[in-house]
Amino acid sequence: MSLTDLEARLRRELTFLEFPARSWMHVRTNPRGHVYDAIIVGGGQSGLAAAFGLMREQIGNIIVLDRNAPGQEGPWKNFARMITLRTPKMVSGLDFGNPSLTPRAWYEAQFGIEAWKKLGKIPRDIWQDYLDWYRRVLSIPVENHVNVTGFSPIDDIVGVTTSDGRTLLARKVILCTGLDGTGEWAVPKFISFSLPADRYAHTGDDIDFDALAGKRIGVLGNGASAFDNAATALEYGAGSVTLCLRKPDFPRVNAHKWMETSGFLGHYWSLPDLDRWRFMRRITGMSQPPPQDTLWRCVNFPNFSIQTDAGWNKVSIDDGEVAVETPKGRITFDFLICGTGISNETKSRPELVALSGHIATWNDVFTPPPGEEDPYQGSAPYLGPAFQFLEKKPGAAPHLSRIHNFTYGATLSMGLSASSISGMKYGLPRLIQGVVGDLFREDASHHFQSLLAYAEEEITTLQLPQDRSLVPIVDMPSRSRLTPP
């Protein structure tokens, strides 16, 4: 089957699933301008899928905003430096149950059935190509080169300000801003305060690896992204790369694979707070190891080394070199790369800084048992069942409930869903049903008036037409026809 044939089949199959197709949304007006039913911030995989999910529910008055150029949305052609995705190739979720919209259907149409059978994991560039096709074939409304700078209450809706001076109006806002969507890439302060900006970077930064050719590179971290960046530096000709771990060994057990069950992915969010806290505290404490092929990608280079029990305690510039103090002694480098995770500090996001003081965190609503405290988890936003922000002080910022946080920062509240391909199969329907439900309930009085005014007659006449051939005959199956042979 060609890609053209697949697209034709997909369009036909979508008509099979279009019930109920009747338009039902109440059109909101505001003297300040057009009111969108939803504005989605971020045009990567989450944003595209959220838009399609709303469109399936006959909510088409939406727009997706992304600051990047077309095809550059999300991480895949930016800071993602793995060769392939880390998830199984059979992953689904963005398709909402339609087989013709799955990555497999698209891949087979592009490269053939045998190519799919031989495929181990999907290359990240190929995944971005799939997302580009997904956007095109579903006609998802995306406006690129738009940077969202803030949110504010306007009447009973949300104003979405952009860097080009506009204020767009929305009844709902869905944040699909990725891994650092409710925080920032976290570089230890003893590094950022001690070194000039051209001597270090975070794995989430735009790194000029060409400039690192021949240099001695130190990488801090034990997760997959640290290994990905180490491998990329080696492939670009780094003189040497030393990966330093705080722990006595890098992690070998991947708790993310344990999470991939319908029970956990589908229902973690409904657990009591204490259970959610304990599950995620255990999972994040284990760290995510690099895939086997990522480790091989590094150790294939003779100028790669791993130092365990070598956390960085202090850094400085010494005679032009970056000097790093570790429990094992001093190591000197030319450049540092920090694979040190992401913060939950919403105030560090320019678009959220005005809201951050009102957003409830886990520290605000939950007290862990003695000995189970976790400052990092405690700073995560405490979300409602549809990923919506909740108020720290009830009544102080009611517009927060109109902003849904479908980002990595939702993990403690909602589980493996946003910014995780393997969790989208369960997270996306919860998000969509929550948003649609809110919109319906908010307009319940309008819908009731619509019911009162409804006058479309089912019976148009009591008289049979003179031409009896115009009367449809319903052929009811006999009992014998209903009996299996």
Protein backbone atom coordinates (compact mmCIF):
# COMPACT_ATOMS: atom_id res chain seq x y z
CA MET A 1 0.00 0.00 0.00
CA SER A 2 1.35 3.42 -0.97
CA LEU A 3 1.20 6.48 1.28
CA THR A 4 -1.47 7.92 -1.01
CA ASP A 5 -3.55 4.77 -0.58
CA LEU A 6 -3.09 4.89 3.19
CA GLU A 7 -4.23 8.48 3.35
CA ALA A 8 -7.34 7.68 1.33
CA ARG A 9 -8.11 4.73 3.62
CA LEU A 10 -7.55 6.87 6.70
CA ARG A 11 -9.93 9.59 5.51
CA ARG A 12 -12.58 6.98 4.79
CA GLU A 13 -12.11 5.27 8.16
CA LEU A 14 -12.41 8.57 9.99
CA THR A 15 -15.91 8.89 8.54
CA PHE A 16 -16.73 5.56 10.17
CA LEU A 17 -15.88 7.08 13.56
CA GLU A 18 -17.41 10.53 13.21
CA PHE A 19 -20.56 9.91 15.28
CA PRO A 20 -21.79 12.09 16.86
CA ALA A 21 -21.06 14.58 14.10
CA ARG A 22 -23.58 17.32 14.89
CA SER A 23 -22.08 20.68 15.79
CA TRP A 24 -22.78 21.47 19.43
CA MET A 25 -20.37 24.08 20.77
CA HIS A 26 -21.71 27.44 21.95
CA VAL A 27 -19.95 30.32 20.19
CA ARG A 28 -18.50 32.69 22.76
CA THR A 29 -18.09 36.37 21.89
CA ASN A 30 -15.97 39.06 23.48
CA PRO A 31 -15.52 42.70 22.47
CA ARG A 32 -11.75 42.24 22.68
CA GLY A 33 -11.69 39.77 19.79
CA HIS A 34 -12.22 36.19 18.68
CA VAL A 35 -12.56 33.62 21.46
CA TYR A 36 -11.01 30.21 20.82
CA ASP A 37 -12.50 27.22 22.57
CA ALA A 38 -8.92 26.05 23.16
CA ILE A 39 -5.43 27.32 22.53
CA ILE A 40 -2.77 24.63 22.61
CA VAL A 41 0.75 25.83 23.39
CA GLY A 42 3.30 23.55 21.77
CA GLY A 43 3.07 21.81 18.39
CA GLY A 44 5.05 18.66 19.15
CA GLN A 45 3.53 15.21 19.55
CA SER A 46 1.41 16.15 22.58
CA GLY A 47 0.06 19.34 21.05
CA LEU A 48 -0.84 17.72 17.74
CA ALA A 49 -2.57 14.81 19.45
CA ALA A 50 -4.46 17.09 21.83
CA ALA A 51 -5.71 19.09 18.86
CA PHE A 52 -6.88 15.98 17.02
CA GLY A 53 -8.56 14.70 20.16
CA LEU A 54 -10.60 17.90 20.42
CA MET A 55 -11.42 17.84 16.71
CA ARG A 56 -12.81 14.30 17.12
CA GLU A 57 -15.26 15.75 19.68
CA GLN A 58 -16.43 18.41 17.20
CA ILE A 59 -14.38 21.17 18.79
CA GLY A 60 -12.72 22.83 15.83
CA ASN A 61 -12.41 26.40 17.08
CA ILE A 62 -8.84 25.80 18.22
CA ILE A 63 -5.31 26.84 17.35
CA VAL A 64 -1.91 25.29 18.11
CA LEU A 65 0.93 27.75 18.72
CA ASP A 66 4.61 26.82 18.47
CA ARG A 67 7.68 29.03 18.64
CA ASN A 68 9.71 26.88 16.25
CA ALA A 69 9.73 26.52 12.48
CA PRO A 70 7.57 23.82 10.85
CA GLY A 71 9.17 20.41 11.35
CA GLN A 72 11.28 21.69 14.25
CA GLU A 73 8.63 21.38 16.95
CA GLY A 74 9.38 19.26 19.98
CA PRO A 75 12.76 17.72 20.86
CA TRP A 76 13.46 15.40 17.95
CA LYS A 77 15.48 17.75 15.77
CA ASN A 78 16.67 19.91 18.64
CA PHE A 79 18.06 18.55 21.90
CA ALA A 80 17.10 14.86 21.48
CA ARG A 81 20.41 13.17 20.69
CA MET A 82 19.50 9.51 20.75
CA ILE A 83 19.62 7.48 17.52
CA THR A 84 16.21 5.88 18.01
CA LEU A 85 13.24 6.32 20.31
CA ARG A 86 13.51 4.49 23.62
CA THR A 87 9.95 3.21 23.44
CA PRO A 88 8.88 0.01 21.64
CA LYS A 89 8.04 0.49 17.96
CA MET A 90 4.48 -0.77 18.57
CA VAL A 91 3.70 2.25 20.76
CA SER A 92 0.33 3.87 20.08
CA GLY A 93 -1.82 6.62 21.49
CA LEU A 94 -1.67 9.49 19.07
CA ASP A 95 -3.88 7.41 16.76
CA PHE A 96 -6.81 7.30 19.24
CA GLY A 97 -7.43 3.69 18.24
CA ASN A 98 -7.41 4.16 14.47
CA PRO A 99 -5.03 1.56 12.96
CA SER A 100 -4.44 3.59 9.78
CA LEU A 101 -3.08 6.48 11.83
CA THR A 102 -0.51 4.41 13.73
CA PRO A 103 3.25 4.77 13.22
CA ARG A 104 3.28 1.22 11.89
CA ALA A 105 0.73 1.92 9.16
CA TRP A 106 2.62 5.04 8.08
CA TYR A 107 6.01 3.29 8.19
CA GLU A 108 4.84 0.29 6.16
CA ALA A 109 3.31 2.60 3.55
CA GLN A 110 6.63 4.42 3.30
CA PHE A 111 9.13 1.59 3.49
CA GLY A 112 7.23 -1.70 3.23
CA ILE A 113 6.06 -4.48 5.51
CA GLU A 114 9.41 -6.28 5.55
CA ALA A 115 11.19 -3.08 6.57
CA TRP A 116 8.86 -2.81 9.56
CA LYS A 117 9.55 -6.40 10.56
CA LYS A 118 13.30 -5.74 10.51
CA LEU A 119 13.00 -2.47 12.41
CA GLY A 120 14.20 -2.52 16.01
CA LYS A 121 13.14 0.90 17.25
CA ILE A 122 11.96 3.93 15.32
CA PRO A 123 14.76 6.42 14.49
CA ARG A 124 14.04 9.83 15.96
CA ASP A 125 14.26 11.62 12.58
CA ILE A 126 11.73 9.14 11.18
CA TRP A 127 9.48 9.81 14.17
CA GLN A 128 9.51 13.54 13.39
CA ASP A 129 8.62 12.70 9.78
CA TYR A 130 5.64 10.73 11.10
CA LEU A 131 4.55 13.70 13.21
CA ASP A 132 4.84 16.01 10.20
CA TRP A 133 2.60 13.62 8.24
CA TYR A 134 0.18 13.37 11.16
CA ARG A 135 -0.19 17.14 11.20
CA ARG A 136 -0.70 17.36 7.44
CA VAL A 137 -3.08 14.46 6.92
CA LEU A 138 -5.33 15.54 9.80
CA SER A 139 -5.25 19.24 8.81
CA ILE A 140 -4.32 20.34 12.31
CA PRO A 141 -4.29 24.15 12.62
CA VAL A 142 -0.77 25.13 13.72
CA GLU A 143 0.72 28.60 13.73
CA ASN A 144 4.51 28.48 13.86
CA HIS A 145 7.02 31.13 14.95
CA VAL A 146 4.74 32.21 17.81
CA ASN A 147 6.24 32.45 21.28
CA VAL A 148 3.70 32.53 24.12
CA THR A 149 4.85 34.90 26.85
CA GLY A 150 2.08 34.85 29.44
CA PHE A 151 -1.48 34.19 30.58
CA SER A 152 -3.92 36.46 32.35
CA PRO A 153 -7.60 36.49 33.30
CA ILE A 154 -9.78 38.51 30.93
CA ASP A 155 -13.40 38.53 32.02
CA ASP A 156 -14.19 34.82 32.47
CA ILE A 157 -11.65 33.54 29.94
CA VAL A 158 -7.86 33.49 29.51
CA GLY A 159 -5.74 35.99 27.65
CA VAL A 160 -2.74 34.43 25.92
CA THR A 161 -0.03 36.98 25.16
CA THR A 162 2.59 36.42 22.49
CA SER A 163 5.97 37.94 21.76
CA ASP A 164 4.62 39.68 18.66
CA GLY A 165 2.32 41.81 20.81
CA ARG A 166 -0.97 39.96 20.40
CA THR A 167 -3.37 38.87 23.10
CA LEU A 168 -5.41 35.86 22.01
CA LEU A 169 -8.51 34.81 23.92
CA ALA A 170 -9.34 31.25 24.94
CA ARG A 171 -11.82 29.40 27.10
CA LYS A 172 -9.22 26.70 27.63
CA VAL A 173 -5.43 26.58 27.38
CA ILE A 174 -3.54 23.30 27.07
CA LEU A 175 0.19 23.42 27.78
CA CYS A 176 2.08 20.88 25.68
CA THR A 177 5.48 22.41 26.26
CA GLY A 178 7.45 19.26 26.90
CA LEU A 179 10.00 18.14 29.44
CA ASP A 180 10.76 21.56 30.87
CA GLY A 181 7.17 22.79 30.53
CA THR A 182 6.79 23.63 34.23
CA GLY A 183 10.41 24.32 35.06
CA GLU A 184 13.82 24.58 33.45
CA TRP A 185 16.86 22.51 32.66
CA ALA A 186 18.56 22.31 36.04
CA VAL A 187 22.26 23.13 36.11
CA PRO A 188 23.72 22.93 39.64
CA LYS A 189 24.24 26.45 40.96
CA PHE A 190 27.83 25.77 41.96
CA ILE A 191 28.50 25.30 38.24
CA SER A 192 26.45 28.17 36.82
CA PHE A 193 27.82 30.57 39.48
CA SER A 194 31.45 29.51 38.99
CA LEU A 195 31.92 29.13 35.25
CA PRO A 196 31.42 31.42 32.25
CA ALA A 197 28.46 30.39 30.09
CA ASP A 198 30.71 29.22 27.25
CA ARG A 199 32.32 26.50 29.38
CA TYR A 200 29.27 24.41 30.24
CA ALA A 201 25.83 23.37 28.95
CA HIS A 202 22.87 21.28 29.94
CA THR A 203 21.88 18.25 27.86
CA GLY A 204 18.69 20.17 26.97
CA ASP A 205 20.63 23.11 25.51
CA ASP A 206 21.54 23.81 21.92
CA ILE A 207 25.15 22.61 21.98
CA ASP A 208 27.67 23.35 19.23
CA PHE A 209 29.30 19.93 19.10
CA ASP A 210 31.52 20.94 16.18
CA ALA A 211 33.25 23.36 18.53
CA LEU A 212 33.99 20.50 20.93
CA ALA A 213 36.17 18.57 18.46
CA GLY A 214 39.48 17.69 20.08
CA LYS A 215 38.35 18.94 23.49
CA ARG A 216 38.23 17.12 26.82
CA ILE A 217 34.57 16.83 27.81
CA GLY A 218 33.21 16.05 31.25
CA VAL A 219 29.62 14.81 31.49
CA LEU A 220 27.74 14.69 34.79
CA GLY A 221 24.82 12.28 35.05
CA ASN A 222 23.84 8.62 34.91
CA GLY A 223 20.72 8.74 32.77
CA ALA A 224 20.08 8.14 29.11
CA SER A 225 20.43 11.79 28.09
CA ALA A 226 23.90 12.01 29.67
CA PHE A 227 25.01 9.00 27.64
CA ASP A 228 23.35 10.37 24.48
CA ASN A 229 25.30 13.62 24.78
CA ALA A 230 28.52 11.82 25.58
CA ALA A 231 28.10 9.71 22.46
CA THR A 232 27.28 12.74 20.32
CA ALA A 233 30.39 14.56 21.51
CA LEU A 234 32.51 11.51 20.66
CA GLU A 235 30.94 11.22 17.23
CA TYR A 236 31.77 14.88 16.57
CA GLY A 237 35.42 14.24 17.34
CA ALA A 238 35.85 15.11 21.00
CA GLY A 239 39.35 14.41 22.24
CA SER A 240 37.98 12.52 25.25
CA VAL A 241 34.74 12.16 27.15
CA THR A 242 34.55 11.23 30.82
CA LEU A 243 31.13 10.49 32.23
CA CYS A 244 31.00 11.06 35.97
CA LEU A 245 28.41 9.43 38.23
CA ARG A 246 27.59 10.30 41.81
CA LYS A 247 26.50 6.71 42.42
CA PRO A 248 28.78 3.66 42.72
CA ASP A 249 27.33 2.32 39.44
CA PHE A 250 25.05 3.57 36.71
CA PRO A 251 21.46 2.27 36.90
CA ARG A 252 20.69 -0.99 35.15
CA VAL A 253 16.98 -1.50 35.93
CA ASN A 254 14.54 0.56 33.88
CA ALA A 255 11.47 1.29 36.00
CA HIS A 256 9.83 2.92 32.97
CA LYS A 257 9.39 -0.52 31.46
CA TRP A 258 7.71 -1.69 34.65
CA MET A 259 5.22 1.18 34.33
CA GLU A 260 4.10 0.07 30.88
CA THR A 261 0.97 -1.83 31.91
CA SER A 262 -2.66 -0.90 31.34
CA GLY A 263 -3.22 -0.89 35.08
CA PHE A 264 -0.49 1.60 35.94
CA LEU A 265 -0.71 3.77 32.84
CA GLY A 266 -4.47 3.89 32.96
CA HIS A 267 -5.19 4.26 36.65
CA TYR A 268 -2.18 5.55 38.57
CA TRP A 269 -3.73 9.03 38.56
CA SER A 270 -6.69 7.77 40.61
CA LEU A 271 -4.59 6.47 43.51
CA PRO A 272 -4.58 8.27 46.88
CA ASP A 273 -1.90 10.92 47.29
CA LEU A 274 0.28 8.77 49.53
CA ASP A 275 0.35 5.92 47.02
CA ARG A 276 1.19 8.23 44.13
CA TRP A 277 3.93 9.84 46.20
CA ARG A 278 5.48 6.48 47.08
CA PHE A 279 5.28 5.07 43.56
CA MET A 280 6.99 8.08 41.96
CA ARG A 281 9.50 8.53 44.73
CA ARG A 282 10.64 4.96 44.16
CA ILE A 283 10.66 5.30 40.37
CA THR A 284 12.54 8.61 40.22
CA GLY A 285 14.96 7.40 42.84
CA MET A 286 15.94 4.49 40.62
CA SER A 287 16.90 6.77 37.68
CA GLN A 288 16.42 5.72 34.08
CA PRO A 289 19.41 3.85 32.65
CA PRO A 290 20.64 4.22 29.09
CA PRO A 291 19.42 1.60 26.63
CA GLN A 292 21.96 -1.10 25.86
CA ASP A 293 22.64 0.26 22.38
CA THR A 294 23.23 3.76 23.80
CA LEU A 295 25.85 2.37 26.19
CA TRP A 296 27.51 0.52 23.31
CA ARG A 297 27.42 3.73 21.30
CA CYS A 298 29.72 5.24 23.94
CA VAL A 299 32.01 2.36 24.85
CA ASN A 300 32.72 1.81 21.17
CA PHE A 301 35.12 4.76 21.49
CA PRO A 302 38.45 4.10 23.22
CA ASN A 303 38.54 7.72 24.44
CA PHE A 304 35.38 7.26 26.50
CA SER A 305 35.53 6.47 30.21
CA ILE A 306 33.17 6.24 33.18
CA GLN A 307 34.05 7.42 36.66
CA THR A 308 31.74 6.14 39.42
CA ASP A 309 31.51 7.66 42.90
CA ALA A 310 32.71 10.84 41.21
CA GLY A 311 30.04 13.43 41.81
CA TRP A 312 31.14 17.01 41.23
CA ASN A 313 31.56 19.04 44.41
CA LYS A 314 33.22 22.18 43.12
CA VAL A 315 34.29 23.64 39.78
CA SER A 316 36.60 26.49 38.85
CA ILE A 317 38.70 27.89 36.06
CA ASP A 318 42.35 27.09 36.69
CA ASP A 319 44.92 28.25 34.15
CA GLY A 320 42.32 28.16 31.37
CA GLU A 321 41.08 24.69 32.28
CA VAL A 322 37.82 23.67 33.96
CA ALA A 323 38.87 22.06 37.21
CA VAL A 324 36.33 19.69 38.79
CA GLU A 325 36.71 18.50 42.38
CA THR A 326 35.33 15.00 43.02
CA PRO A 327 35.58 12.53 45.92
CA LYS A 328 38.26 10.81 43.84
CA GLY A 329 40.27 13.97 43.34
CA ARG A 330 40.57 16.70 40.72
CA ILE A 331 39.76 16.14 37.04
CA THR A 332 40.38 18.82 34.38
CA PHE A 333 38.28 19.40 31.29
CA ASP A 334 37.74 21.94 28.56
CA PHE A 335 33.92 21.83 28.63
CA LEU A 336 31.20 20.42 30.86
CA ILE A 337 27.82 18.90 29.94
CA CYS A 338 25.27 18.50 32.73
CA GLY A 339 22.71 15.70 32.51
CA THR A 340 21.18 16.87 35.75
CA GLY A 341 17.47 16.84 35.07
CA ILE A 342 14.70 19.39 35.20
CA SER A 343 13.35 21.61 37.96
CA ASN A 344 9.69 22.02 38.92
CA GLU A 345 10.00 25.77 39.44
CA THR A 346 7.12 27.27 37.47
CA LYS A 347 8.46 30.75 38.18
CA SER A 348 11.42 29.96 35.90
CA ARG A 349 9.06 29.70 32.90
CA PRO A 350 8.49 33.20 31.44
CA GLU A 351 4.91 32.40 30.47
CA LEU A 352 4.09 31.04 33.94
CA VAL A 353 5.96 33.44 36.21
CA ALA A 354 2.87 35.61 36.83
CA LEU A 355 0.86 32.52 37.79
CA SER A 356 3.48 30.63 39.78
CA GLY A 357 2.56 32.13 43.14
CA HIS A 358 -1.01 30.89 42.75
CA ILE A 359 -0.31 27.36 41.45
CA ALA A 360 -0.75 24.66 44.10
CA THR A 361 2.18 22.30 44.52
CA TRP A 362 2.35 18.96 46.28
CA ASN A 363 4.04 20.70 49.21
CA ASP A 364 0.91 22.83 49.57
CA VAL A 365 -1.58 19.97 49.82
CA PHE A 366 0.32 16.88 50.97
CA THR A 367 2.58 16.06 53.89
CA PRO A 368 4.59 12.85 53.42
CA PRO A 369 5.30 10.54 56.34
CA PRO A 370 8.52 11.19 58.26
CA GLY A 371 11.50 9.92 56.33
CA GLU A 372 9.68 10.07 52.97
CA GLU A 373 10.20 13.76 52.27
CA ASP A 374 11.36 14.73 48.80
CA PRO A 375 11.91 18.43 48.01
CA TYR A 376 11.97 17.82 44.26
CA GLN A 377 8.67 15.95 44.20
CA GLY A 378 7.12 18.38 46.62
CA SER A 379 7.71 21.30 44.25
CA ALA A 380 5.74 19.62 41.43
CA PRO A 381 2.35 21.16 40.58
CA TYR A 382 -0.61 19.39 42.18
CA LEU A 383 -3.07 18.89 39.32
CA GLY A 384 -6.75 18.12 39.03
CA PRO A 385 -8.06 14.99 37.27
CA ALA A 386 -7.99 16.66 33.83
CA PHE A 387 -4.39 17.93 34.23
CA GLN A 388 -5.67 21.38 35.25
CA PHE A 389 -3.75 23.65 37.59
CA LEU A 390 -5.33 24.12 41.01
CA GLU A 391 -5.22 27.20 43.20
CA LYS A 392 -2.89 27.47 46.16
CA LYS A 393 -5.51 29.66 47.84
CA PRO A 394 -9.12 28.93 46.76
CA GLY A 395 -10.68 31.89 44.99
CA ALA A 396 -7.43 33.77 44.41
CA ALA A 397 -6.90 32.71 40.78
CA PRO A 398 -9.97 30.87 39.42
CA HIS A 399 -8.70 31.13 35.83
CA LEU A 400 -6.05 28.51 36.68
CA SER A 401 -8.66 25.78 36.20
CA ARG A 402 -8.80 26.80 32.53
CA ILE A 403 -5.11 25.96 32.05
CA HIS A 404 -4.30 22.27 31.61
CA ASN A 405 -0.71 21.20 32.18
CA PHE A 406 -0.04 18.33 29.76
CA THR A 407 3.74 18.42 30.29
CA TYR A 408 6.38 16.34 32.05
CA GLY A 409 5.58 18.32 35.18
CA ALA A 410 2.29 16.40 35.42
CA THR A 411 4.06 13.10 36.15
CA LEU A 412 3.63 12.97 39.92
CA SER A 413 -0.07 13.87 39.71
CA MET A 414 -1.04 11.99 36.55
CA GLY A 415 1.60 9.35 35.93
CA LEU A 416 3.43 8.52 32.72
CA SER A 417 1.33 10.49 30.26
CA ALA A 418 2.50 13.88 29.05
CA SER A 419 5.90 14.04 27.29
CA SER A 420 6.05 10.26 27.28
CA ILE A 421 4.94 8.48 24.14
CA SER A 422 4.14 5.26 25.97
CA GLY A 423 1.76 7.04 28.34
CA MET A 424 -0.26 8.97 25.78
CA LYS A 425 -2.68 6.15 25.02
CA TYR A 426 -4.20 6.72 28.45
CA GLY A 427 -3.31 10.33 29.21
CA LEU A 428 -4.74 11.91 26.07
CA PRO A 429 -8.33 10.61 26.53
CA ARG A 430 -8.36 11.86 30.14
CA LEU A 431 -7.18 15.27 29.02
CA ILE A 432 -9.70 15.51 26.18
CA GLN A 433 -12.65 14.27 28.21
CA GLY A 434 -11.80 16.71 30.98
CA VAL A 435 -11.57 19.71 28.67
CA VAL A 436 -14.71 18.80 26.72
CA GLY A 437 -16.63 18.08 29.92
CA ASP A 438 -15.74 21.47 31.37
CA LEU A 439 -16.84 23.25 28.20
CA PHE A 440 -20.16 21.40 28.18
CA ARG A 441 -20.91 21.99 31.84
CA GLU A 442 -20.04 25.65 31.54
CA ASP A 443 -22.63 26.05 28.78
CA ALA A 444 -25.28 23.78 30.31
CA SER A 445 -27.90 26.55 30.40
CA HIS A 446 -27.29 27.32 26.73
CA HIS A 447 -27.63 23.66 25.82
CA PHE A 448 -30.87 23.45 27.81
CA GLN A 449 -32.28 26.40 25.87
CA SER A 450 -31.18 24.66 22.69
CA LEU A 451 -33.16 21.60 23.81
CA LEU A 452 -36.23 23.72 24.51
CA ALA A 453 -35.99 25.24 21.04
CA TYR A 454 -35.35 21.93 19.30
CA ALA A 455 -38.18 21.33 16.82
CA GLU A 456 -36.82 19.07 14.10
CA GLU A 457 -39.68 16.71 13.33
CA GLU A 458 -39.01 13.02 13.01
CA ILE A 459 -42.51 12.32 11.57
CA THR A 460 -43.16 14.50 8.56
CA THR A 461 -46.49 13.02 7.39
CA LEU A 462 -49.13 10.54 8.51
CA GLN A 463 -50.26 9.75 4.95
CA LEU A 464 -48.68 7.10 2.76
CA PRO A 465 -47.56 8.44 -0.62
CA GLN A 466 -49.70 7.36 -3.58
CA ASP A 467 -46.63 5.77 -5.10
CA ARG A 468 -46.05 2.95 -2.60
CA SER A 469 -42.67 2.23 -4.17
CA LEU A 470 -41.39 5.25 -2.26
CA VAL A 471 -42.11 3.55 1.06
CA PRO A 472 -38.97 1.83 2.37
CA ILE A 473 -39.40 -1.81 3.28
CA VAL A 474 -37.49 -2.99 6.32
CA ASP A 475 -36.31 -6.54 5.78
CA MET A 476 -36.34 -8.09 9.26
CA PRO A 477 -34.26 -11.25 9.42
CA SER A 478 -36.12 -14.39 10.33
CA ARG A 479 -35.08 -16.43 13.35
CA SER A 480 -33.49 -19.03 11.09
CA ARG A 481 -31.32 -16.33 9.51
CA LEU A 482 -30.13 -15.23 12.91
CA THR A 483 -29.15 -18.76 13.89
CA PRO A 484 -25.49 -19.55 13.23
CA PRO A 485 -24.96 -22.42 10.78
